[in-house]
Amino acid sequence: MEKRDANQNERSRKLAEALLKGWKMLPDTCPICDSPLFETPSGEVLCVVCGTKVILVESDEEAKLEEHRLALDKMLGDLVRHLERELYEAGESLDEGSLRRINMLLDAIRKALIIRRNLARQERTRS
C-alpha cells in the first residue's frame, strides 16, 4: 500500500510540474500508462509520467504516413551511423572497396532524403 501511495505521489508531482511549466494538458491519455498527455511550448506531445513521446493523428491514413516517416528517420540515422563508421575505419587510406561502400551509403541516404521530401509534400497537400 505504501509503495502504491509513493507511486501516486510521484505521478501527481510530475503532472503538477508540467502544469507549472505552462505545458498544456490534453484530453488524450498515454497509450502506455494511461496518464494525461501534455503539449510542450515547442509542440511536442509527451507523457510526463512515463516519458513516452506521442504523435497524435486524426486518421488511419495520417497514422500510416507517420509510421512511414518514423521508419524512414530510423533508417536514415542507421545509414549515417554506418557511413561514419565506414569513414572512421577507412581513415586516410581510402581503398577502392571503401570508396564503393561509401558511395553506396551516400546514394542510399540521398534516395531516403528524396522519399522524406515526397512524404512531407504528400502531407502538406492533405492538410
N, C-alpha and C. Protein backbone atom coordinates (compact mmCIF):
# COMPACT_ATOMS: atom_id res chain seq x y z
N MET A 1 0.83 -1.19 0.00
CA MET A 1 0.00 0.00 0.00
C MET A 1 0.87 1.26 0.00
N GLU A 2 1.95 1.21 0.81
CA GLU A 2 2.83 2.36 0.93
C GLU A 2 3.54 2.65 -0.40
N LYS A 3 3.94 1.59 -1.11
CA LYS A 3 4.62 1.76 -2.40
C LYS A 3 3.65 2.37 -3.42
N ARG A 4 2.40 1.94 -3.40
CA ARG A 4 1.39 2.49 -4.32
C ARG A 4 1.16 3.98 -4.04
N ASP A 5 1.12 4.35 -2.78
CA ASP A 5 0.97 5.76 -2.41
C ASP A 5 2.16 6.57 -2.89
N ALA A 6 3.37 6.01 -2.76
CA ALA A 6 4.58 6.71 -3.21
C ALA A 6 4.53 6.89 -4.72
N ASN A 7 4.11 5.86 -5.46
CA ASN A 7 3.99 5.97 -6.91
C ASN A 7 2.95 7.01 -7.30
N GLN A 8 1.84 7.04 -6.59
CA GLN A 8 0.79 8.03 -6.88
C GLN A 8 1.29 9.45 -6.58
N ASN A 9 2.03 9.60 -5.50
CA ASN A 9 2.60 10.92 -5.17
C ASN A 9 3.58 11.38 -6.23
N GLU A 10 4.41 10.46 -6.71
CA GLU A 10 5.39 10.78 -7.77
C GLU A 10 4.66 11.17 -9.06
N ARG A 11 3.63 10.43 -9.39
CA ARG A 11 2.82 10.73 -10.59
C ARG A 11 2.20 12.12 -10.46
N SER A 12 1.62 12.41 -9.31
CA SER A 12 0.99 13.72 -9.09
C SER A 12 2.02 14.85 -9.16
N ARG A 13 3.21 14.60 -8.62
CA ARG A 13 4.27 15.60 -8.65
C ARG A 13 4.67 15.92 -10.09
N LYS A 14 4.82 14.89 -10.93
CA LYS A 14 5.21 15.09 -12.32
C LYS A 14 4.12 15.85 -13.10
N LEU A 15 2.86 15.51 -12.84
CA LEU A 15 1.77 16.22 -13.50
C LEU A 15 1.74 17.69 -13.09
N ALA A 16 1.92 17.94 -11.79
CA ALA A 16 1.92 19.31 -11.28
C ALA A 16 3.09 20.12 -11.86
N GLU A 17 4.26 19.49 -11.97
CA GLU A 17 5.42 20.19 -12.55
C GLU A 17 5.16 20.61 -13.99
N ALA A 18 4.53 19.73 -14.75
CA ALA A 18 4.23 20.06 -16.15
C ALA A 18 3.27 21.24 -16.22
N LEU A 19 2.28 21.25 -15.36
CA LEU A 19 1.33 22.36 -15.34
C LEU A 19 2.01 23.67 -14.93
N LEU A 20 2.90 23.58 -13.95
CA LEU A 20 3.62 24.77 -13.50
C LEU A 20 4.55 25.32 -14.59
N LYS A 21 5.04 24.45 -15.45
CA LYS A 21 5.87 24.89 -16.58
C LYS A 21 5.03 25.56 -17.66
N GLY A 22 3.72 25.46 -17.53
CA GLY A 22 2.84 26.06 -18.53
C GLY A 22 2.52 25.14 -19.68
N TRP A 23 2.83 23.85 -19.53
CA TRP A 23 2.50 22.90 -20.57
C TRP A 23 1.01 22.66 -20.60
N LYS A 24 0.49 22.45 -21.78
CA LYS A 24 -0.95 22.28 -21.97
C LYS A 24 -1.35 20.81 -21.77
N MET A 25 -2.27 20.57 -20.81
CA MET A 25 -2.76 19.22 -20.61
C MET A 25 -3.80 18.92 -21.69
N LEU A 26 -3.64 17.79 -22.35
CA LEU A 26 -4.52 17.41 -23.44
C LEU A 26 -5.60 16.43 -22.96
N PRO A 27 -6.69 16.31 -23.70
CA PRO A 27 -7.73 15.35 -23.30
C PRO A 27 -7.34 13.91 -23.58
N ASP A 28 -6.25 13.70 -24.33
CA ASP A 28 -5.79 12.36 -24.68
C ASP A 28 -4.93 11.78 -23.56
N THR A 29 -4.87 10.45 -23.51
CA THR A 29 -4.07 9.80 -22.48
C THR A 29 -2.96 8.97 -23.12
N CYS A 30 -1.96 8.68 -22.33
CA CYS A 30 -0.79 7.92 -22.76
C CYS A 30 -1.19 6.48 -23.10
N PRO A 31 -0.73 5.99 -24.24
CA PRO A 31 -1.04 4.61 -24.60
C PRO A 31 -0.31 3.59 -23.73
N ILE A 32 0.69 4.03 -22.97
CA ILE A 32 1.48 3.13 -22.13
C ILE A 32 0.95 3.09 -20.70
N CYS A 33 0.78 4.26 -20.08
CA CYS A 33 0.42 4.28 -18.65
C CYS A 33 -0.92 4.94 -18.36
N ASP A 34 -1.61 5.41 -19.40
CA ASP A 34 -2.95 5.99 -19.29
C ASP A 34 -2.99 7.31 -18.51
N SER A 35 -1.85 7.98 -18.38
CA SER A 35 -1.81 9.30 -17.74
C SER A 35 -2.14 10.37 -18.78
N PRO A 36 -2.56 11.55 -18.34
CA PRO A 36 -2.84 12.62 -19.31
C PRO A 36 -1.58 13.00 -20.10
N LEU A 37 -1.78 13.31 -21.36
CA LEU A 37 -0.68 13.78 -22.21
C LEU A 37 -0.56 15.29 -22.11
N PHE A 38 0.65 15.80 -22.35
CA PHE A 38 0.90 17.23 -22.31
C PHE A 38 1.54 17.67 -23.62
N GLU A 39 1.23 18.91 -24.01
CA GLU A 39 1.89 19.52 -25.16
C GLU A 39 2.84 20.58 -24.65
N THR A 40 4.10 20.48 -25.07
CA THR A 40 5.10 21.45 -24.64
C THR A 40 4.99 22.69 -25.51
N PRO A 41 5.62 23.80 -25.11
CA PRO A 41 5.58 25.01 -25.94
C PRO A 41 6.13 24.80 -27.36
N SER A 42 7.00 23.81 -27.53
CA SER A 42 7.55 23.54 -28.86
C SER A 42 6.62 22.66 -29.71
N GLY A 43 5.49 22.22 -29.11
CA GLY A 43 4.53 21.41 -29.85
C GLY A 43 4.71 19.92 -29.69
N GLU A 44 5.70 19.51 -28.93
CA GLU A 44 5.93 18.08 -28.69
C GLU A 44 4.85 17.56 -27.73
N VAL A 45 4.33 16.38 -28.00
CA VAL A 45 3.33 15.77 -27.13
C VAL A 45 4.00 14.62 -26.40
N LEU A 46 3.88 14.62 -25.06
CA LEU A 46 4.50 13.55 -24.30
C LEU A 46 3.77 13.27 -23.01
N CYS A 47 4.09 12.12 -22.45
CA CYS A 47 3.58 11.73 -21.15
C CYS A 47 4.66 12.08 -20.13
N VAL A 48 4.33 12.94 -19.19
CA VAL A 48 5.34 13.35 -18.21
C VAL A 48 5.55 12.27 -17.15
N VAL A 49 4.64 11.33 -17.06
CA VAL A 49 4.76 10.28 -16.04
C VAL A 49 5.76 9.21 -16.47
N CYS A 50 5.59 8.66 -17.69
CA CYS A 50 6.49 7.58 -18.13
C CYS A 50 7.50 8.02 -19.19
N GLY A 51 7.37 9.26 -19.69
CA GLY A 51 8.34 9.80 -20.65
C GLY A 51 8.10 9.43 -22.10
N THR A 52 6.97 8.80 -22.40
CA THR A 52 6.67 8.40 -23.77
C THR A 52 6.36 9.61 -24.64
N LYS A 53 7.01 9.69 -25.81
CA LYS A 53 6.68 10.72 -26.79
C LYS A 53 5.57 10.17 -27.66
N VAL A 54 4.57 11.01 -27.97
CA VAL A 54 3.39 10.56 -28.68
C VAL A 54 3.16 11.47 -29.88
N ILE A 55 2.72 10.87 -30.98
CA ILE A 55 2.33 11.63 -32.16
C ILE A 55 0.83 11.42 -32.32
N LEU A 56 0.07 12.49 -32.19
CA LEU A 56 -1.38 12.40 -32.32
C LEU A 56 -1.77 12.52 -33.79
N VAL A 57 -2.65 11.64 -34.22
CA VAL A 57 -3.13 11.65 -35.60
C VAL A 57 -4.65 11.60 -35.60
N GLU A 58 -5.23 12.04 -36.72
CA GLU A 58 -6.68 12.09 -36.80
C GLU A 58 -7.28 10.99 -37.68
N SER A 59 -6.45 10.28 -38.44
CA SER A 59 -6.99 9.26 -39.33
C SER A 59 -6.00 8.11 -39.47
N ASP A 60 -6.50 7.00 -39.98
CA ASP A 60 -5.62 5.85 -40.24
C ASP A 60 -4.58 6.20 -41.30
N GLU A 61 -4.99 6.99 -42.27
CA GLU A 61 -4.07 7.40 -43.34
C GLU A 61 -2.93 8.25 -42.77
N GLU A 62 -3.27 9.17 -41.88
CA GLU A 62 -2.26 10.01 -41.24
C GLU A 62 -1.35 9.16 -40.35
N ALA A 63 -1.91 8.16 -39.69
CA ALA A 63 -1.10 7.26 -38.86
C ALA A 63 -0.10 6.49 -39.72
N LYS A 64 -0.54 6.05 -40.88
CA LYS A 64 0.34 5.30 -41.79
C LYS A 64 1.49 6.20 -42.27
N LEU A 65 1.17 7.46 -42.61
CA LEU A 65 2.22 8.39 -43.03
C LEU A 65 3.25 8.59 -41.91
N GLU A 66 2.76 8.73 -40.67
CA GLU A 66 3.65 8.92 -39.53
C GLU A 66 4.53 7.69 -39.33
N GLU A 67 3.95 6.50 -39.46
CA GLU A 67 4.73 5.27 -39.33
C GLU A 67 5.84 5.23 -40.38
N HIS A 68 5.50 5.61 -41.60
CA HIS A 68 6.50 5.63 -42.68
C HIS A 68 7.60 6.63 -42.37
N ARG A 69 7.20 7.82 -41.90
CA ARG A 69 8.20 8.85 -41.59
C ARG A 69 9.13 8.40 -40.47
N LEU A 70 8.58 7.78 -39.42
CA LEU A 70 9.41 7.31 -38.31
C LEU A 70 10.37 6.21 -38.76
N ALA A 71 9.88 5.28 -39.58
CA ALA A 71 10.74 4.22 -40.09
C ALA A 71 11.85 4.79 -40.98
N LEU A 72 11.49 5.77 -41.79
CA LEU A 72 12.46 6.41 -42.67
C LEU A 72 13.51 7.16 -41.86
N ASP A 73 13.09 7.87 -40.82
CA ASP A 73 14.04 8.59 -39.97
C ASP A 73 15.00 7.63 -39.27
N LYS A 74 14.48 6.49 -38.81
CA LYS A 74 15.34 5.49 -38.18
C LYS A 74 16.35 4.95 -39.19
N MET A 75 15.88 4.66 -40.40
CA MET A 75 16.76 4.14 -41.43
C MET A 75 17.84 5.16 -41.78
N LEU A 76 17.46 6.44 -41.90
CA LEU A 76 18.44 7.48 -42.20
C LEU A 76 19.50 7.56 -41.10
N GLY A 77 19.07 7.49 -39.85
CA GLY A 77 20.02 7.51 -38.74
C GLY A 77 20.98 6.34 -38.80
N ASP A 78 20.45 5.16 -39.12
CA ASP A 78 21.30 3.97 -39.24
C ASP A 78 22.29 4.12 -40.38
N LEU A 79 21.83 4.65 -41.52
CA LEU A 79 22.72 4.84 -42.67
C LEU A 79 23.84 5.84 -42.34
N VAL A 80 23.50 6.92 -41.67
CA VAL A 80 24.51 7.93 -41.32
C VAL A 80 25.53 7.34 -40.34
N ARG A 81 25.06 6.58 -39.36
CA ARG A 81 25.99 5.95 -38.41
C ARG A 81 26.91 4.95 -39.14
N HIS A 82 26.33 4.22 -40.07
CA HIS A 82 27.13 3.26 -40.85
C HIS A 82 28.18 4.01 -41.69
N LEU A 83 27.78 5.12 -42.29
CA LEU A 83 28.72 5.93 -43.08
C LEU A 83 29.84 6.46 -42.19
N GLU A 84 29.49 6.97 -41.01
CA GLU A 84 30.51 7.47 -40.09
C GLU A 84 31.49 6.38 -39.71
N ARG A 85 30.97 5.18 -39.44
CA ARG A 85 31.83 4.06 -39.07
C ARG A 85 32.75 3.69 -40.24
N GLU A 86 32.20 3.68 -41.44
CA GLU A 86 32.99 3.35 -42.63
C GLU A 86 34.12 4.37 -42.82
N LEU A 87 33.80 5.65 -42.66
CA LEU A 87 34.81 6.70 -42.81
C LEU A 87 35.88 6.58 -41.73
N TYR A 88 35.46 6.29 -40.50
CA TYR A 88 36.41 6.16 -39.40
C TYR A 88 37.35 4.99 -39.64
N GLU A 89 36.78 3.86 -40.05
CA GLU A 89 37.60 2.66 -40.28
C GLU A 89 38.55 2.84 -41.46
N ALA A 90 38.12 3.57 -42.46
CA ALA A 90 38.97 3.79 -43.64
C ALA A 90 40.13 4.71 -43.30
N GLY A 91 39.89 5.65 -42.39
CA GLY A 91 40.93 6.60 -42.02
C GLY A 91 41.39 7.39 -43.23
N GLU A 92 42.69 7.51 -43.41
CA GLU A 92 43.23 8.26 -44.55
C GLU A 92 43.53 7.36 -45.73
N SER A 93 43.36 6.07 -45.56
CA SER A 93 43.67 5.14 -46.66
C SER A 93 42.37 4.61 -47.26
N LEU A 94 41.78 5.41 -48.13
CA LEU A 94 40.55 5.01 -48.79
C LEU A 94 40.88 4.13 -49.99
N ASP A 95 40.60 2.84 -49.84
CA ASP A 95 40.83 1.94 -50.97
C ASP A 95 39.56 1.87 -51.82
N GLU A 96 39.64 1.13 -52.89
CA GLU A 96 38.52 1.05 -53.83
C GLU A 96 37.26 0.48 -53.16
N GLY A 97 37.43 -0.52 -52.31
CA GLY A 97 36.29 -1.13 -51.62
C GLY A 97 35.62 -0.14 -50.68
N SER A 98 36.43 0.62 -49.94
CA SER A 98 35.88 1.64 -49.03
C SER A 98 35.11 2.70 -49.80
N LEU A 99 35.72 3.17 -50.89
CA LEU A 99 35.04 4.20 -51.70
C LEU A 99 33.72 3.69 -52.27
N ARG A 100 33.70 2.44 -52.68
CA ARG A 100 32.47 1.85 -53.23
C ARG A 100 31.39 1.79 -52.14
N ARG A 101 31.76 1.33 -50.94
CA ARG A 101 30.79 1.25 -49.84
C ARG A 101 30.31 2.64 -49.43
N ILE A 102 31.20 3.61 -49.38
CA ILE A 102 30.83 4.99 -49.02
C ILE A 102 29.88 5.56 -50.07
N ASN A 103 30.17 5.35 -51.33
CA ASN A 103 29.28 5.84 -52.39
C ASN A 103 27.91 5.19 -52.33
N MET A 104 27.88 3.88 -52.02
CA MET A 104 26.58 3.20 -51.89
C MET A 104 25.79 3.77 -50.73
N LEU A 105 26.45 4.05 -49.61
CA LEU A 105 25.77 4.64 -48.46
C LEU A 105 25.26 6.04 -48.77
N LEU A 106 26.10 6.84 -49.43
CA LEU A 106 25.68 8.19 -49.80
C LEU A 106 24.50 8.16 -50.75
N ASP A 107 24.49 7.23 -51.67
CA ASP A 107 23.39 7.08 -52.60
C ASP A 107 22.10 6.68 -51.87
N ALA A 108 22.22 5.76 -50.93
CA ALA A 108 21.05 5.34 -50.15
C ALA A 108 20.51 6.50 -49.32
N ILE A 109 21.39 7.30 -48.74
CA ILE A 109 20.98 8.47 -47.95
C ILE A 109 20.27 9.48 -48.84
N ARG A 110 20.82 9.72 -50.02
CA ARG A 110 20.20 10.67 -50.96
C ARG A 110 18.80 10.21 -51.34
N LYS A 111 18.65 8.93 -51.64
CA LYS A 111 17.33 8.40 -52.01
C LYS A 111 16.34 8.49 -50.84
N ALA A 112 16.81 8.20 -49.64
CA ALA A 112 15.94 8.28 -48.46
C ALA A 112 15.48 9.73 -48.22
N LEU A 113 16.37 10.69 -48.45
CA LEU A 113 16.00 12.10 -48.29
C LEU A 113 14.97 12.52 -49.32
N ILE A 114 15.08 12.00 -50.54
CA ILE A 114 14.08 12.30 -51.57
C ILE A 114 12.72 11.74 -51.14
N ILE A 115 12.71 10.52 -50.62
CA ILE A 115 11.46 9.92 -50.14
C ILE A 115 10.88 10.74 -49.00
N ARG A 116 11.74 11.21 -48.10
CA ARG A 116 11.25 12.01 -46.97
C ARG A 116 10.61 13.31 -47.47
N ARG A 117 11.25 13.96 -48.44
CA ARG A 117 10.67 15.19 -49.01
C ARG A 117 9.32 14.91 -49.66
N ASN A 118 9.22 13.79 -50.36
CA ASN A 118 7.95 13.42 -51.00
C ASN A 118 6.86 13.15 -49.97
N LEU A 119 7.22 12.51 -48.86
CA LEU A 119 6.25 12.29 -47.78
C LEU A 119 5.77 13.61 -47.20
N ALA A 120 6.69 14.54 -46.99
CA ALA A 120 6.33 15.85 -46.45
C ALA A 120 5.42 16.59 -47.43
N ARG A 121 5.74 16.51 -48.70
CA ARG A 121 4.91 17.15 -49.72
C ARG A 121 3.52 16.53 -49.74
N GLN A 122 3.45 15.22 -49.64
CA GLN A 122 2.18 14.50 -49.62
C GLN A 122 1.35 14.91 -48.41
N GLU A 123 2.00 15.09 -47.27
CA GLU A 123 1.29 15.52 -46.06
C GLU A 123 0.75 16.94 -46.21
N ARG A 124 1.54 17.84 -46.80
CA ARG A 124 1.10 19.23 -46.98
C ARG A 124 -0.12 19.31 -47.92
N THR A 125 -0.15 18.48 -48.94
CA THR A 125 -1.28 18.53 -49.88
C THR A 125 -2.55 17.99 -49.23
N ARG A 126 -2.41 17.15 -48.20
CA ARG A 126 -3.60 16.63 -47.49
C ARG A 126 -4.12 17.62 -46.48
N SER A 127 -3.27 18.53 -46.02
CA SER A 127 -3.67 19.48 -44.97
C SER A 127 -4.58 20.55 -45.48
